[in-house]
mmCIF file of all heavy atoms, coordinates in Angstrom:
data_MODEL
# 
_entry.id   MODEL 
# 
loop_
_atom_site.group_PDB 
_atom_site.id 
_atom_site.type_symbol 
_atom_site.label_atom_id 
_atom_site.label_alt_id 
_atom_site.label_comp_id 
_atom_site.label_asym_id 
_atom_site.label_entity_id 
_atom_site.label_seq_id 
_atom_site.pdbx_PDB_ins_code 
_atom_site.Cartn_x 
_atom_site.Cartn_y 
_atom_site.Cartn_z 
_atom_site.occupancy 
_atom_site.B_iso_or_equiv 
_atom_site.pdbx_formal_charge 
_atom_site.auth_seq_id 
_atom_site.auth_comp_id 
_atom_site.auth_asym_id 
_atom_site.auth_atom_id 
_atom_site.pdbx_PDB_model_num 
ATOM 1   N N   . VAL A 1 1  ? -29.585 21.265 -159.920 1.00 0.00 ? 1  VAL A N   1 
ATOM 2   C CA  . VAL A 1 1  ? -29.109 22.653 -159.971 1.00 0.00 ? 1  VAL A CA  1 
ATOM 3   C C   . VAL A 1 1  ? -30.192 23.598 -159.471 1.00 0.00 ? 1  VAL A C   1 
ATOM 4   O O   . VAL A 1 1  ? -29.938 24.488 -158.641 1.00 0.00 ? 1  VAL A O   1 
ATOM 5   C CB  . VAL A 1 1  ? -28.685 23.021 -161.410 1.00 0.00 ? 1  VAL A CB  1 
ATOM 6   C CG1 . VAL A 1 1  ? -28.465 24.530 -161.547 1.00 0.00 ? 1  VAL A CG1 1 
ATOM 7   C CG2 . VAL A 1 1  ? -27.417 22.273 -161.805 1.00 0.00 ? 1  VAL A CG2 1 
ATOM 8   N N   . VAL A 1 2  ? -31.415 23.416 -159.940 1.00 0.00 ? 2  VAL A N   1 
ATOM 9   C CA  . VAL A 1 2  ? -32.521 24.277 -159.510 1.00 0.00 ? 2  VAL A CA  1 
ATOM 10  C C   . VAL A 1 2  ? -32.747 24.141 -158.008 1.00 0.00 ? 2  VAL A C   1 
ATOM 11  O O   . VAL A 1 2  ? -32.899 25.146 -157.292 1.00 0.00 ? 2  VAL A O   1 
ATOM 12  C CB  . VAL A 1 2  ? -33.801 23.934 -160.294 1.00 0.00 ? 2  VAL A CB  1 
ATOM 13  C CG1 . VAL A 1 2  ? -35.013 24.647 -159.694 1.00 0.00 ? 2  VAL A CG1 1 
ATOM 14  C CG2 . VAL A 1 2  ? -33.643 24.302 -161.766 1.00 0.00 ? 2  VAL A CG2 1 
ATOM 15  N N   . ALA A 1 3  ? -32.750 22.919 -157.504 1.00 0.00 ? 3  ALA A N   1 
ATOM 16  C CA  . ALA A 1 3  ? -32.969 22.703 -156.069 1.00 0.00 ? 3  ALA A CA  1 
ATOM 17  C C   . ALA A 1 3  ? -31.869 23.356 -155.246 1.00 0.00 ? 3  ALA A C   1 
ATOM 18  O O   . ALA A 1 3  ? -32.134 23.992 -154.214 1.00 0.00 ? 3  ALA A O   1 
ATOM 19  C CB  . ALA A 1 3  ? -33.052 21.210 -155.771 1.00 0.00 ? 3  ALA A CB  1 
ATOM 20  N N   . ASP A 1 4  ? -30.616 23.224 -155.690 1.00 0.00 ? 4  ASP A N   1 
ATOM 21  C CA  . ASP A 1 4  ? -29.494 23.820 -154.951 1.00 0.00 ? 4  ASP A CA  1 
ATOM 22  C C   . ASP A 1 4  ? -29.636 25.335 -154.864 1.00 0.00 ? 4  ASP A C   1 
ATOM 23  O O   . ASP A 1 4  ? -29.428 25.935 -153.805 1.00 0.00 ? 4  ASP A O   1 
ATOM 24  C CB  . ASP A 1 4  ? -28.168 23.464 -155.641 1.00 0.00 ? 4  ASP A CB  1 
ATOM 25  C CG  . ASP A 1 4  ? -27.739 22.028 -155.392 1.00 0.00 ? 4  ASP A CG  1 
ATOM 26  O OD1 . ASP A 1 4  ? -28.349 21.370 -154.531 1.00 0.00 ? 4  ASP A OD1 1 
ATOM 27  O OD2 . ASP A 1 4  ? -26.796 21.572 -156.068 1.00 0.00 ? 4  ASP A OD2 1 
ATOM 28  N N   . VAL A 1 5  ? -29.981 25.972 -155.989 1.00 0.00 ? 5  VAL A N   1 
ATOM 29  C CA  . VAL A 1 5  ? -30.059 27.431 -156.009 1.00 0.00 ? 5  VAL A CA  1 
ATOM 30  C C   . VAL A 1 5  ? -31.262 27.928 -155.199 1.00 0.00 ? 5  VAL A C   1 
ATOM 31  O O   . VAL A 1 5  ? -31.165 28.910 -154.454 1.00 0.00 ? 5  VAL A O   1 
ATOM 32  C CB  . VAL A 1 5  ? -30.115 27.944 -157.465 1.00 0.00 ? 5  VAL A CB  1 
ATOM 33  C CG1 . VAL A 1 5  ? -30.386 29.446 -157.501 1.00 0.00 ? 5  VAL A CG1 1 
ATOM 34  C CG2 . VAL A 1 5  ? -28.801 27.631 -158.185 1.00 0.00 ? 5  VAL A CG2 1 
ATOM 35  N N   . LEU A 1 6  ? -32.389 27.238 -155.312 1.00 0.00 ? 6  LEU A N   1 
ATOM 36  C CA  . LEU A 1 6  ? -33.590 27.701 -154.601 1.00 0.00 ? 6  LEU A CA  1 
ATOM 37  C C   . LEU A 1 6  ? -33.508 27.512 -153.092 1.00 0.00 ? 6  LEU A C   1 
ATOM 38  O O   . LEU A 1 6  ? -34.306 28.104 -152.364 1.00 0.00 ? 6  LEU A O   1 
ATOM 39  C CB  . LEU A 1 6  ? -34.831 26.986 -155.145 1.00 0.00 ? 6  LEU A CB  1 
ATOM 40  C CG  . LEU A 1 6  ? -35.266 27.361 -156.565 1.00 0.00 ? 6  LEU A CG  1 
ATOM 41  C CD1 . LEU A 1 6  ? -36.614 26.738 -156.894 1.00 0.00 ? 6  LEU A CD1 1 
ATOM 42  C CD2 . LEU A 1 6  ? -35.315 28.877 -156.760 1.00 0.00 ? 6  LEU A CD2 1 
ATOM 43  N N   . ARG A 1 7  ? -32.569 26.723 -152.610 1.00 0.00 ? 7  ARG A N   1 
ATOM 44  C CA  . ARG A 1 7  ? -32.398 26.581 -151.156 1.00 0.00 ? 7  ARG A CA  1 
ATOM 45  C C   . ARG A 1 7  ? -32.060 27.925 -150.505 1.00 0.00 ? 7  ARG A C   1 
ATOM 46  O O   . ARG A 1 7  ? -32.400 28.173 -149.350 1.00 0.00 ? 7  ARG A O   1 
ATOM 47  C CB  . ARG A 1 7  ? -31.305 25.563 -150.841 1.00 0.00 ? 7  ARG A CB  1 
ATOM 48  C CG  . ARG A 1 7  ? -31.741 24.123 -151.032 1.00 0.00 ? 7  ARG A CG  1 
ATOM 49  C CD  . ARG A 1 7  ? -30.721 23.142 -150.476 1.00 0.00 ? 7  ARG A CD  1 
ATOM 50  N NE  . ARG A 1 7  ? -31.117 21.782 -150.800 1.00 0.00 ? 7  ARG A NE  1 
ATOM 51  C CZ  . ARG A 1 7  ? -30.642 21.079 -151.826 1.00 0.00 ? 7  ARG A CZ  1 
ATOM 52  N NH1 . ARG A 1 7  ? -29.712 21.620 -152.602 1.00 0.00 ? 7  ARG A NH1 1 
ATOM 53  N NH2 . ARG A 1 7  ? -31.064 19.867 -152.063 1.00 0.00 ? 7  ARG A NH2 1 
ATOM 54  N N   . THR A 1 8  ? -31.359 28.770 -151.240 1.00 0.00 ? 8  THR A N   1 
ATOM 55  C CA  . THR A 1 8  ? -30.969 30.074 -150.688 1.00 0.00 ? 8  THR A CA  1 
ATOM 56  C C   . THR A 1 8  ? -31.703 31.231 -151.346 1.00 0.00 ? 8  THR A C   1 
ATOM 57  O O   . THR A 1 8  ? -31.473 32.381 -150.986 1.00 0.00 ? 8  THR A O   1 
ATOM 58  C CB  . THR A 1 8  ? -29.453 30.294 -150.849 1.00 0.00 ? 8  THR A CB  1 
ATOM 59  O OG1 . THR A 1 8  ? -29.110 30.224 -152.235 1.00 0.00 ? 8  THR A OG1 1 
ATOM 60  C CG2 . THR A 1 8  ? -28.672 29.228 -150.079 1.00 0.00 ? 8  THR A CG2 1 
ATOM 61  N N   . ARG A 1 9  ? -32.581 30.930 -152.312 1.00 0.00 ? 9  ARG A N   1 
ATOM 62  C CA  . ARG A 1 9  ? -33.297 31.991 -153.020 1.00 0.00 ? 9  ARG A CA  1 
ATOM 63  C C   . ARG A 1 9  ? -34.800 31.791 -152.816 1.00 0.00 ? 9  ARG A C   1 
ATOM 64  O O   . ARG A 1 9  ? -35.520 31.351 -153.709 1.00 0.00 ? 9  ARG A O   1 
ATOM 65  C CB  . ARG A 1 9  ? -32.939 31.979 -154.504 1.00 0.00 ? 9  ARG A CB  1 
ATOM 66  C CG  . ARG A 1 9  ? -31.501 32.381 -154.793 1.00 0.00 ? 9  ARG A CG  1 
ATOM 67  C CD  . ARG A 1 9  ? -31.199 33.809 -154.352 1.00 0.00 ? 9  ARG A CD  1 
ATOM 68  N NE  . ARG A 1 9  ? -32.025 34.791 -155.019 1.00 0.00 ? 9  ARG A NE  1 
ATOM 69  C CZ  . ARG A 1 9  ? -31.612 35.506 -156.066 1.00 0.00 ? 9  ARG A CZ  1 
ATOM 70  N NH1 . ARG A 1 9  ? -30.402 35.347 -156.558 1.00 0.00 ? 9  ARG A NH1 1 
ATOM 71  N NH2 . ARG A 1 9  ? -32.419 36.412 -156.606 1.00 0.00 ? 9  ARG A NH2 1 
ATOM 72  N N   . THR A 1 10 ? -35.255 32.123 -151.638 1.00 0.00 ? 10 THR A N   1 
ATOM 73  C CA  . THR A 1 10 ? -36.665 31.950 -151.316 1.00 0.00 ? 10 THR A CA  1 
ATOM 74  C C   . THR A 1 10 ? -37.542 32.991 -151.998 1.00 0.00 ? 10 THR A C   1 
ATOM 75  O O   . THR A 1 10 ? -38.776 32.937 -151.890 1.00 0.00 ? 10 THR A O   1 
ATOM 76  C CB  . THR A 1 10 ? -36.873 32.032 -149.793 1.00 0.00 ? 10 THR A CB  1 
ATOM 77  O OG1 . THR A 1 10 ? -36.348 33.282 -149.318 1.00 0.00 ? 10 THR A OG1 1 
ATOM 78  C CG2 . THR A 1 10 ? -36.161 30.881 -149.097 1.00 0.00 ? 10 THR A CG2 1 
ATOM 79  N N   . ASP A 1 11 ? -36.916 33.931 -152.737 1.00 0.00 ? 11 ASP A N   1 
ATOM 80  C CA  . ASP A 1 11 ? -37.698 34.917 -153.475 1.00 0.00 ? 11 ASP A CA  1 
ATOM 81  C C   . ASP A 1 11 ? -38.237 34.360 -154.786 1.00 0.00 ? 11 ASP A C   1 
ATOM 82  O O   . ASP A 1 11 ? -38.987 35.048 -155.487 1.00 0.00 ? 11 ASP A O   1 
ATOM 83  C CB  . ASP A 1 11 ? -36.870 36.183 -153.734 1.00 0.00 ? 11 ASP A CB  1 
ATOM 84  C CG  . ASP A 1 11 ? -35.511 35.898 -154.349 1.00 0.00 ? 11 ASP A CG  1 
ATOM 85  O OD1 . ASP A 1 11 ? -34.976 34.782 -154.150 1.00 0.00 ? 11 ASP A OD1 1 
ATOM 86  O OD2 . ASP A 1 11 ? -34.962 36.802 -155.019 1.00 0.00 ? 11 ASP A OD2 1 
ATOM 87  N N   . PHE A 1 12 ? -37.861 33.114 -155.122 1.00 0.00 ? 12 PHE A N   1 
ATOM 88  C CA  . PHE A 1 12 ? -38.376 32.474 -156.328 1.00 0.00 ? 12 PHE A CA  1 
ATOM 89  C C   . PHE A 1 12 ? -38.965 31.115 -155.994 1.00 0.00 ? 12 PHE A C   1 
ATOM 90  O O   . PHE A 1 12 ? -38.488 30.423 -155.077 1.00 0.00 ? 12 PHE A O   1 
ATOM 91  C CB  . PHE A 1 12 ? -37.273 32.296 -157.383 1.00 0.00 ? 12 PHE A CB  1 
ATOM 92  C CG  . PHE A 1 12 ? -37.015 33.530 -158.197 1.00 0.00 ? 12 PHE A CG  1 
ATOM 93  C CD1 . PHE A 1 12 ? -36.165 34.525 -157.722 1.00 0.00 ? 12 PHE A CD1 1 
ATOM 94  C CD2 . PHE A 1 12 ? -37.624 33.716 -159.429 1.00 0.00 ? 12 PHE A CD2 1 
ATOM 95  C CE1 . PHE A 1 12 ? -35.932 35.674 -158.454 1.00 0.00 ? 12 PHE A CE1 1 
ATOM 96  C CE2 . PHE A 1 12 ? -37.389 34.863 -160.163 1.00 0.00 ? 12 PHE A CE2 1 
ATOM 97  C CZ  . PHE A 1 12 ? -36.543 35.844 -159.687 1.00 0.00 ? 12 PHE A CZ  1 
ATOM 98  N N   . VAL A 1 13 ? -39.995 30.721 -156.756 1.00 0.00 ? 13 VAL A N   1 
ATOM 99  C CA  . VAL A 1 13 ? -40.619 29.402 -156.593 1.00 0.00 ? 13 VAL A CA  1 
ATOM 100 C C   . VAL A 1 13 ? -40.764 28.761 -157.968 1.00 0.00 ? 13 VAL A C   1 
ATOM 101 O O   . VAL A 1 13 ? -40.825 29.449 -158.996 1.00 0.00 ? 13 VAL A O   1 
ATOM 102 C CB  . VAL A 1 13 ? -42.006 29.513 -155.919 1.00 0.00 ? 13 VAL A CB  1 
ATOM 103 C CG1 . VAL A 1 13 ? -41.871 30.021 -154.491 1.00 0.00 ? 13 VAL A CG1 1 
ATOM 104 C CG2 . VAL A 1 13 ? -42.937 30.396 -156.740 1.00 0.00 ? 13 VAL A CG2 1 
ATOM 105 N N   . ARG A 1 14 ? -40.831 27.443 -157.982 1.00 0.00 ? 14 ARG A N   1 
ATOM 106 C CA  . ARG A 1 14 ? -41.080 26.719 -159.224 1.00 0.00 ? 14 ARG A CA  1 
ATOM 107 C C   . ARG A 1 14 ? -42.545 26.832 -159.599 1.00 0.00 ? 14 ARG A C   1 
ATOM 108 O O   . ARG A 1 14 ? -43.435 26.781 -158.741 1.00 0.00 ? 14 ARG A O   1 
ATOM 109 C CB  . ARG A 1 14 ? -40.715 25.245 -159.062 1.00 0.00 ? 14 ARG A CB  1 
ATOM 110 C CG  . ARG A 1 14 ? -39.263 24.939 -159.250 1.00 0.00 ? 14 ARG A CG  1 
ATOM 111 C CD  . ARG A 1 14 ? -38.968 23.474 -159.036 1.00 0.00 ? 14 ARG A CD  1 
ATOM 112 N NE  . ARG A 1 14 ? -39.997 22.596 -159.619 1.00 0.00 ? 14 ARG A NE  1 
ATOM 113 C CZ  . ARG A 1 14 ? -39.988 21.274 -159.515 1.00 0.00 ? 14 ARG A CZ  1 
ATOM 114 N NH1 . ARG A 1 14 ? -39.031 20.682 -158.845 1.00 0.00 ? 14 ARG A NH1 1 
ATOM 115 N NH2 . ARG A 1 14 ? -40.939 20.557 -160.069 1.00 0.00 ? 14 ARG A NH2 1 
ATOM 116 N N   . SER A 1 15 ? -42.825 26.967 -160.891 1.00 0.00 ? 15 SER A N   1 
ATOM 117 C CA  . SER A 1 15 ? -44.188 27.003 -161.397 1.00 0.00 ? 15 SER A CA  1 
ATOM 118 C C   . SER A 1 15 ? -44.349 25.941 -162.486 1.00 0.00 ? 15 SER A C   1 
ATOM 119 O O   . SER A 1 15 ? -43.360 25.398 -162.990 1.00 0.00 ? 15 SER A O   1 
ATOM 120 C CB  . SER A 1 15 ? -44.532 28.384 -161.950 1.00 0.00 ? 15 SER A CB  1 
ATOM 121 O OG  . SER A 1 15 ? -44.569 29.340 -160.906 1.00 0.00 ? 15 SER A OG  1 
ATOM 122 N N   . ASP A 1 16 ? -45.606 25.681 -162.840 1.00 0.00 ? 16 ASP A N   1 
ATOM 123 C CA  . ASP A 1 16 ? -45.915 24.583 -163.760 1.00 0.00 ? 16 ASP A CA  1 
ATOM 124 C C   . ASP A 1 16 ? -45.729 25.021 -165.208 1.00 0.00 ? 16 ASP A C   1 
ATOM 125 O O   . ASP A 1 16 ? -46.464 25.887 -165.704 1.00 0.00 ? 16 ASP A O   1 
ATOM 126 C CB  . ASP A 1 16 ? -47.355 24.118 -163.518 1.00 0.00 ? 16 ASP A CB  1 
ATOM 127 C CG  . ASP A 1 16 ? -47.695 22.843 -164.277 1.00 0.00 ? 16 ASP A CG  1 
ATOM 128 O OD1 . ASP A 1 16 ? -46.854 22.377 -165.076 1.00 0.00 ? 16 ASP A OD1 1 
ATOM 129 O OD2 . ASP A 1 16 ? -48.802 22.317 -164.066 1.00 0.00 ? 16 ASP A OD2 1 
ATOM 130 N N   . VAL A 1 17 ? -44.762 24.414 -165.891 1.00 0.00 ? 17 VAL A N   1 
ATOM 131 C CA  . VAL A 1 17 ? -44.495 24.732 -167.294 1.00 0.00 ? 17 VAL A CA  1 
ATOM 132 C C   . VAL A 1 17 ? -45.722 24.458 -168.166 1.00 0.00 ? 17 VAL A C   1 
ATOM 133 O O   . VAL A 1 17 ? -45.920 25.109 -169.200 1.00 0.00 ? 17 VAL A O   1 
ATOM 134 C CB  . VAL A 1 17 ? -43.269 23.932 -167.792 1.00 0.00 ? 17 VAL A CB  1 
ATOM 135 C CG1 . VAL A 1 17 ? -43.074 24.108 -169.298 1.00 0.00 ? 17 VAL A CG1 1 
ATOM 136 C CG2 . VAL A 1 17 ? -42.011 24.364 -167.049 1.00 0.00 ? 17 VAL A CG2 1 
ATOM 137 N N   . ALA A 1 18 ? -46.573 23.524 -167.753 1.00 0.00 ? 18 ALA A N   1 
ATOM 138 C CA  . ALA A 1 18 ? -47.758 23.188 -168.550 1.00 0.00 ? 18 ALA A CA  1 
ATOM 139 C C   . ALA A 1 18 ? -48.658 24.397 -168.772 1.00 0.00 ? 18 ALA A C   1 
ATOM 140 O O   . ALA A 1 18 ? -49.410 24.456 -169.755 1.00 0.00 ? 18 ALA A O   1 
ATOM 141 C CB  . ALA A 1 18 ? -48.536 22.059 -167.884 1.00 0.00 ? 18 ALA A CB  1 
ATOM 142 N N   . ASP A 1 19 ? -48.592 25.388 -167.881 1.00 0.00 ? 19 ASP A N   1 
ATOM 143 C CA  . ASP A 1 19 ? -49.424 26.577 -168.025 1.00 0.00 ? 19 ASP A CA  1 
ATOM 144 C C   . ASP A 1 19 ? -48.976 27.467 -169.178 1.00 0.00 ? 19 ASP A C   1 
ATOM 145 O O   . ASP A 1 19 ? -49.699 28.398 -169.553 1.00 0.00 ? 19 ASP A O   1 
ATOM 146 C CB  . ASP A 1 19 ? -49.396 27.402 -166.725 1.00 0.00 ? 19 ASP A CB  1 
ATOM 147 C CG  . ASP A 1 19 ? -50.086 26.695 -165.567 1.00 0.00 ? 19 ASP A CG  1 
ATOM 148 O OD1 . ASP A 1 19 ? -50.875 25.757 -165.828 1.00 0.00 ? 19 ASP A OD1 1 
ATOM 149 O OD2 . ASP A 1 19 ? -49.821 27.075 -164.413 1.00 0.00 ? 19 ASP A OD2 1 
ATOM 150 N N   . LEU A 1 20 ? -47.798 27.199 -169.750 1.00 0.00 ? 20 LEU A N   1 
ATOM 151 C CA  . LEU A 1 20 ? -47.236 28.065 -170.783 1.00 0.00 ? 20 LEU A CA  1 
ATOM 152 C C   . LEU A 1 20 ? -47.329 27.486 -172.189 1.00 0.00 ? 20 LEU A C   1 
ATOM 153 O O   . LEU A 1 20 ? -46.969 28.171 -173.154 1.00 0.00 ? 20 LEU A O   1 
ATOM 154 C CB  . LEU A 1 20 ? -45.755 28.347 -170.480 1.00 0.00 ? 20 LEU A CB  1 
ATOM 155 C CG  . LEU A 1 20 ? -45.410 28.914 -169.103 1.00 0.00 ? 20 LEU A CG  1 
ATOM 156 C CD1 . LEU A 1 20 ? -43.896 29.049 -168.967 1.00 0.00 ? 20 LEU A CD1 1 
ATOM 157 C CD2 . LEU A 1 20 ? -46.096 30.251 -168.884 1.00 0.00 ? 20 LEU A CD2 1 
ATOM 158 N N   . VAL A 1 21 ? -47.787 26.240 -172.315 1.00 0.00 ? 21 VAL A N   1 
ATOM 159 C CA  . VAL A 1 21 ? -47.606 25.527 -173.592 1.00 0.00 ? 21 VAL A CA  1 
ATOM 160 C C   . VAL A 1 21 ? -48.933 25.000 -174.123 1.00 0.00 ? 21 VAL A C   1 
ATOM 161 O O   . VAL A 1 21 ? -49.944 24.932 -173.407 1.00 0.00 ? 21 VAL A O   1 
ATOM 162 C CB  . VAL A 1 21 ? -46.612 24.358 -173.421 1.00 0.00 ? 21 VAL A CB  1 
ATOM 163 C CG1 . VAL A 1 21 ? -45.244 24.879 -173.017 1.00 0.00 ? 21 VAL A CG1 1 
ATOM 164 C CG2 . VAL A 1 21 ? -47.119 23.342 -172.398 1.00 0.00 ? 21 VAL A CG2 1 
ATOM 165 N N   . ASN A 1 22 ? -48.916 24.583 -175.393 1.00 0.00 ? 22 ASN A N   1 
ATOM 166 C CA  . ASN A 1 22 ? -50.096 23.967 -175.998 1.00 0.00 ? 22 ASN A CA  1 
ATOM 167 C C   . ASN A 1 22 ? -50.201 22.503 -175.578 1.00 0.00 ? 22 ASN A C   1 
ATOM 168 O O   . ASN A 1 22 ? -49.315 21.957 -174.909 1.00 0.00 ? 22 ASN A O   1 
ATOM 169 C CB  . ASN A 1 22 ? -50.056 24.100 -177.530 1.00 0.00 ? 22 ASN A CB  1 
ATOM 170 C CG  . ASN A 1 22 ? -48.821 23.432 -178.146 1.00 0.00 ? 22 ASN A CG  1 
ATOM 171 O OD1 . ASN A 1 22 ? -48.387 22.358 -177.732 1.00 0.00 ? 22 ASN A OD1 1 
ATOM 172 N ND2 . ASN A 1 22 ? -48.255 24.085 -179.163 1.00 0.00 ? 22 ASN A ND2 1 
ATOM 173 N N   . GLU A 1 23 ? -51.278 21.860 -175.958 1.00 0.00 ? 23 GLU A N   1 
ATOM 174 C CA  . GLU A 1 23 ? -51.536 20.489 -175.516 1.00 0.00 ? 23 GLU A CA  1 
ATOM 175 C C   . GLU A 1 23 ? -50.465 19.519 -175.997 1.00 0.00 ? 23 GLU A C   1 
ATOM 176 O O   . GLU A 1 23 ? -50.114 18.571 -175.289 1.00 0.00 ? 23 GLU A O   1 
ATOM 177 C CB  . GLU A 1 23 ? -52.912 20.031 -175.999 1.00 0.00 ? 23 GLU A CB  1 
ATOM 178 C CG  . GLU A 1 23 ? -54.081 20.717 -175.302 1.00 0.00 ? 23 GLU A CG  1 
ATOM 179 C CD  . GLU A 1 23 ? -55.424 20.172 -175.740 1.00 0.00 ? 23 GLU A CD  1 
ATOM 180 O OE1 . GLU A 1 23 ? -55.436 19.199 -176.544 1.00 0.00 ? 23 GLU A OE1 1 
ATOM 181 O OE2 . GLU A 1 23 ? -56.462 20.697 -175.289 1.00 0.00 ? 23 GLU A OE2 1 
ATOM 182 N N   . SER A 1 24 ? -49.954 19.740 -177.187 1.00 0.00 ? 24 SER A N   1 
ATOM 183 C CA  . SER A 1 24 ? -48.943 18.818 -177.729 1.00 0.00 ? 24 SER A CA  1 
ATOM 184 C C   . SER A 1 24 ? -47.657 18.851 -176.905 1.00 0.00 ? 24 SER A C   1 
ATOM 185 O O   . SER A 1 24 ? -47.032 17.810 -176.670 1.00 0.00 ? 24 SER A O   1 
ATOM 186 C CB  . SER A 1 24 ? -48.633 19.174 -179.187 1.00 0.00 ? 24 SER A CB  1 
ATOM 187 O OG  . SER A 1 24 ? -49.767 18.988 -180.000 1.00 0.00 ? 24 SER A OG  1 
ATOM 188 N N   . VAL A 1 25 ? -47.261 20.039 -176.467 1.00 0.00 ? 25 VAL A N   1 
ATOM 189 C CA  . VAL A 1 25 ? -46.065 20.154 -175.634 1.00 0.00 ? 25 VAL A CA  1 
ATOM 190 C C   . VAL A 1 25 ? -46.367 19.702 -174.209 1.00 0.00 ? 25 VAL A C   1 
ATOM 191 O O   . VAL A 1 25 ? -45.518 19.090 -173.543 1.00 0.00 ? 25 VAL A O   1 
ATOM 192 C CB  . VAL A 1 25 ? -45.529 21.597 -175.650 1.00 0.00 ? 25 VAL A CB  1 
ATOM 193 C CG1 . VAL A 1 25 ? -44.306 21.732 -174.737 1.00 0.00 ? 25 VAL A CG1 1 
ATOM 194 C CG2 . VAL A 1 25 ? -45.168 22.027 -177.065 1.00 0.00 ? 25 VAL A CG2 1 
ATOM 195 N N   . ALA A 1 26 ? -47.568 19.977 -173.723 1.00 0.00 ? 26 ALA A N   1 
ATOM 196 C CA  . ALA A 1 26 ? -47.930 19.633 -172.347 1.00 0.00 ? 26 ALA A CA  1 
ATOM 197 C C   . ALA A 1 26 ? -47.810 18.135 -172.071 1.00 0.00 ? 26 ALA A C   1 
ATOM 198 O O   . ALA A 1 26 ? -47.604 17.732 -170.924 1.00 0.00 ? 26 ALA A O   1 
ATOM 199 C CB  . ALA A 1 26 ? -49.349 20.106 -172.046 1.00 0.00 ? 26 ALA A CB  1 
ATOM 200 N N   . ARG A 1 27 ? -47.886 17.309 -173.094 1.00 0.00 ? 27 ARG A N   1 
ATOM 201 C CA  . ARG A 1 27 ? -47.699 15.855 -172.933 1.00 0.00 ? 27 ARG A CA  1 
ATOM 202 C C   . ARG A 1 27 ? -46.331 15.524 -172.360 1.00 0.00 ? 27 ARG A C   1 
ATOM 203 O O   . ARG A 1 27 ? -46.140 14.448 -171.776 1.00 0.00 ? 27 ARG A O   1 
ATOM 204 C CB  . ARG A 1 27 ? -47.850 15.142 -174.288 1.00 0.00 ? 27 ARG A CB  1 
ATOM 205 C CG  . ARG A 1 27 ? -49.238 15.142 -174.870 1.00 0.00 ? 27 ARG A CG  1 
ATOM 206 C CD  . ARG A 1 27 ? -49.236 14.449 -176.232 1.00 0.00 ? 27 ARG A CD  1 
ATOM 207 N NE  . ARG A 1 27 ? -48.527 13.187 -176.183 1.00 0.00 ? 27 ARG A NE  1 
ATOM 208 C CZ  . ARG A 1 27 ? -47.600 12.820 -177.065 1.00 0.00 ? 27 ARG A CZ  1 
ATOM 209 N NH1 . ARG A 1 27 ? -47.224 13.638 -178.034 1.00 0.00 ? 27 ARG A NH1 1 
ATOM 210 N NH2 . ARG A 1 27 ? -47.000 11.640 -176.961 1.00 0.00 ? 27 ARG A NH2 1 
ATOM 211 N N   . TRP A 1 28 ? -45.396 16.443 -172.548 1.00 0.00 ? 28 TRP A N   1 
ATOM 212 C CA  . TRP A 1 28 ? -44.017 16.194 -172.130 1.00 0.00 ? 28 TRP A CA  1 
ATOM 213 C C   . TRP A 1 28 ? -43.675 16.875 -170.809 1.00 0.00 ? 28 TRP A C   1 
ATOM 214 O O   . TRP A 1 28 ? -42.512 16.912 -170.415 1.00 0.00 ? 28 TRP A O   1 
ATOM 215 C CB  . TRP A 1 28 ? -43.054 16.647 -173.229 1.00 0.00 ? 28 TRP A CB  1 
ATOM 216 C CG  . TRP A 1 28 ? -43.324 15.949 -174.527 1.00 0.00 ? 28 TRP A CG  1 
ATOM 217 C CD1 . TRP A 1 28 ? -44.102 16.392 -175.554 1.00 0.00 ? 28 TRP A CD1 1 
ATOM 218 C CD2 . TRP A 1 28 ? -42.876 14.650 -174.914 1.00 0.00 ? 28 TRP A CD2 1 
ATOM 219 N NE1 . TRP A 1 28 ? -44.159 15.459 -176.560 1.00 0.00 ? 28 TRP A NE1 1 
ATOM 220 C CE2 . TRP A 1 28 ? -43.416 14.369 -176.190 1.00 0.00 ? 28 TRP A CE2 1 
ATOM 221 C CE3 . TRP A 1 28 ? -42.067 13.689 -174.313 1.00 0.00 ? 28 TRP A CE3 1 
ATOM 222 C CZ2 . TRP A 1 28 ? -43.175 13.190 -176.878 1.00 0.00 ? 28 TRP A CZ2 1 
ATOM 223 C CZ3 . TRP A 1 28 ? -41.812 12.508 -174.994 1.00 0.00 ? 28 TRP A CZ3 1 
ATOM 224 C CH2 . TRP A 1 28 ? -42.362 12.263 -176.250 1.00 0.00 ? 28 TRP A CH2 1 
# 
């Protein structure tokens, strides 16, 4: 779903979720 939508929405890019979470969540 994300890939399909971003094909036409070049105004958004994927970013790393690990930058938002603590170490315990980052394992996932």
